[in-house]
């Protein structure tokens, strides 16, 4: 069977192919074809966001500046900082 080429793709899948490469798209199709997936914004990945908040806070950035840089609300930054200082025990 012939390999899928970039010219074979349309719409969103073509755009993905142009950005990450046809080989990566082939892997996506082979491994995940037929499924529907949500790809979150980076700021919605809690562990990543908290790590960024912590790094920026340690650099001395204000809560407002952190919120702007990370792309979330001031309240989210405050909650993340509070959670880091007082982690919940499970």
C-alpha atoms as a PDB file:
ATOM      1  CA  UNK A   1       0.000   0.000   0.000  1.00  0.00           C
ATOM      2  CA  UNK A   2       1.306   3.472  -0.906  1.00  0.00           C
ATOM      3  CA  UNK A   3       2.194   5.888   1.879  1.00  0.00           C
ATOM      4  CA  UNK A   4      -0.047   8.858   2.586  1.00  0.00           C
ATOM      5  CA  UNK A   5       1.488  12.041   1.174  1.00  0.00           C
ATOM      6  CA  UNK A   6       0.906  15.678   2.160  1.00  0.00           C
ATOM      7  CA  UNK A   7      -1.041  16.273  -1.066  1.00  0.00           C
ATOM      8  CA  UNK A   8      -3.497  13.556   0.027  1.00  0.00           C
ATOM      9  CA  UNK A   9      -4.507  15.511   3.131  1.00  0.00           C
ATOM     10  CA  UNK A  10      -7.229  18.158   3.423  1.00  0.00           C
ATOM     11  CA  UNK A  11      -8.378  20.703   5.990  1.00  0.00           C
ATOM     12  CA  UNK A  12      -7.096  20.466   9.546  1.00  0.00           C
ATOM     13  CA  UNK A  13      -5.116  17.308   8.860  1.00  0.00           C
ATOM     14  CA  UNK A  14      -3.257  19.011   6.035  1.00  0.00           C
ATOM     15  CA  UNK A  15      -2.450  21.977   8.276  1.00  0.00           C
ATOM     16  CA  UNK A  16      -1.141  19.601  10.927  1.00  0.00           C
ATOM     17  CA  UNK A  17       0.963  17.860   8.269  1.00  0.00           C
ATOM     18  CA  UNK A  18       2.433  21.166   7.142  1.00  0.00           C
ATOM     19  CA  UNK A  19       3.344  22.103  10.695  1.00  0.00           C
ATOM     20  CA  UNK A  20       4.634  18.856  12.203  1.00  0.00           C
ATOM     21  CA  UNK A  21       5.476  16.876   9.093  1.00  0.00           C
ATOM     22  CA  UNK A  22       3.913  14.104   7.091  1.00  0.00           C
ATOM     23  CA  UNK A  23       5.729  11.353   8.994  1.00  0.00           C
ATOM     24  CA  UNK A  24       4.187  12.526  12.272  1.00  0.00           C
ATOM     25  CA  UNK A  25       0.752  12.580  10.608  1.00  0.00           C
ATOM     26  CA  UNK A  26       1.282   9.022   9.383  1.00  0.00           C
ATOM     27  CA  UNK A  27       1.999   7.955  12.959  1.00  0.00           C
ATOM     28  CA  UNK A  28      -1.127   9.769  14.196  1.00  0.00           C
ATOM     29  CA  UNK A  29      -3.253   8.043  11.571  1.00  0.00           C
ATOM     30  CA  UNK A  30      -1.728   4.624  12.259  1.00  0.00           C
ATOM     31  CA  UNK A  31      -1.896   4.860  16.050  1.00  0.00           C
ATOM     32  CA  UNK A  32      -4.984   7.000  16.616  1.00  0.00           C
ATOM     33  CA  UNK A  33      -6.926   6.946  13.334  1.00  0.00           C
ATOM     34  CA  UNK A  34     -10.689   6.986  13.714  1.00  0.00           C
ATOM     35  CA  UNK A  35     -10.664   8.624  17.139  1.00  0.00           C
ATOM     36  CA  UNK A  36     -11.603  12.134  18.161  1.00  0.00           C
ATOM     37  CA  UNK A  37      -9.172  13.930  20.434  1.00  0.00           C
ATOM     38  CA  UNK A  38      -9.101  17.244  22.230  1.00  0.00           C
ATOM     39  CA  UNK A  39      -5.711  18.952  22.262  1.00  0.00           C
ATOM     40  CA  UNK A  40      -5.715  21.409  25.162  1.00  0.00           C
ATOM     41  CA  UNK A  41      -4.047  24.774  25.311  1.00  0.00           C
ATOM     42  CA  UNK A  42      -0.744  24.586  27.195  1.00  0.00           C
ATOM     43  CA  UNK A  43      -2.181  26.652  30.063  1.00  0.00           C
ATOM     44  CA  UNK A  44      -4.880  24.014  30.597  1.00  0.00           C
ATOM     45  CA  UNK A  45      -2.263  21.348  31.378  1.00  0.00           C
ATOM     46  CA  UNK A  46      -2.231  21.808  35.152  1.00  0.00           C
ATOM     47  CA  UNK A  47       1.234  20.423  35.948  1.00  0.00           C
ATOM     48  CA  UNK A  48       2.825  22.467  33.153  1.00  0.00           C
ATOM     49  CA  UNK A  49       0.979  25.650  34.167  1.00  0.00           C
ATOM     50  CA  UNK A  50       1.954  25.240  37.819  1.00  0.00           C
ATOM     51  CA  UNK A  51       5.577  24.639  36.891  1.00  0.00           C
ATOM     52  CA  UNK A  52       5.562  27.834  34.792  1.00  0.00           C
ATOM     53  CA  UNK A  53       3.859  29.802  37.581  1.00  0.00           C
ATOM     54  CA  UNK A  54       6.433  28.555  40.082  1.00  0.00           C
ATOM     55  CA  UNK A  55       9.389  29.413  37.826  1.00  0.00           C
ATOM     56  CA  UNK A  56       8.101  32.911  37.093  1.00  0.00           C
ATOM     57  CA  UNK A  57       7.259  33.530  40.754  1.00  0.00           C
ATOM     58  CA  UNK A  58      10.785  32.510  41.774  1.00  0.00           C
ATOM     59  CA  UNK A  59      12.104  34.990  39.183  1.00  0.00           C
ATOM     60  CA  UNK A  60      10.256  37.710  41.078  1.00  0.00           C
ATOM     61  CA  UNK A  61       7.476  38.323  38.567  1.00  0.00           C
ATOM     62  CA  UNK A  62       4.234  39.794  39.884  1.00  0.00           C
ATOM     63  CA  UNK A  63       1.070  37.714  39.966  1.00  0.00           C
ATOM     64  CA  UNK A  64      -0.436  39.935  37.246  1.00  0.00           C
ATOM     65  CA  UNK A  65       2.646  39.493  35.034  1.00  0.00           C
ATOM     66  CA  UNK A  66       2.629  35.724  35.591  1.00  0.00           C
ATOM     67  CA  UNK A  67      -1.042  35.562  34.603  1.00  0.00           C
ATOM     68  CA  UNK A  68      -0.313  37.489  31.413  1.00  0.00           C
ATOM     69  CA  UNK A  69       2.721  35.388  30.490  1.00  0.00           C
ATOM     70  CA  UNK A  70       1.018  32.065  31.204  1.00  0.00           C
ATOM     71  CA  UNK A  71      -2.304  33.143  29.672  1.00  0.00           C
ATOM     72  CA  UNK A  72      -4.547  32.511  32.640  1.00  0.00           C
ATOM     73  CA  UNK A  73      -6.370  34.561  35.257  1.00  0.00           C
ATOM     74  CA  UNK A  74      -4.844  36.187  38.320  1.00  0.00           C
ATOM     75  CA  UNK A  75      -7.098  33.955  40.449  1.00  0.00           C
ATOM     76  CA  UNK A  76      -5.676  30.846  38.772  1.00  0.00           C
ATOM     77  CA  UNK A  77      -2.137  31.998  39.542  1.00  0.00           C
ATOM     78  CA  UNK A  78      -3.076  32.657  43.174  1.00  0.00           C
ATOM     79  CA  UNK A  79      -4.707  29.210  43.460  1.00  0.00           C
ATOM     80  CA  UNK A  80      -1.668  27.544  41.907  1.00  0.00           C
ATOM     81  CA  UNK A  81       0.711  29.329  44.279  1.00  0.00           C
ATOM     82  CA  UNK A  82      -1.463  28.453  47.271  1.00  0.00           C
ATOM     83  CA  UNK A  83      -1.653  24.806  46.178  1.00  0.00           C
ATOM     84  CA  UNK A  84       2.138  24.685  45.836  1.00  0.00           C
ATOM     85  CA  UNK A  85       2.601  26.126  49.314  1.00  0.00           C
ATOM     86  CA  UNK A  86      -0.095  23.957  50.923  1.00  0.00           C
ATOM     87  CA  UNK A  87      -0.479  20.798  48.829  1.00  0.00           C
ATOM     88  CA  UNK A  88      -3.526  18.654  49.527  1.00  0.00           C
ATOM     89  CA  UNK A  89      -2.890  15.299  51.043  1.00  0.00           C
ATOM     90  CA  UNK A  90      -4.642  12.389  49.456  1.00  0.00           C
END
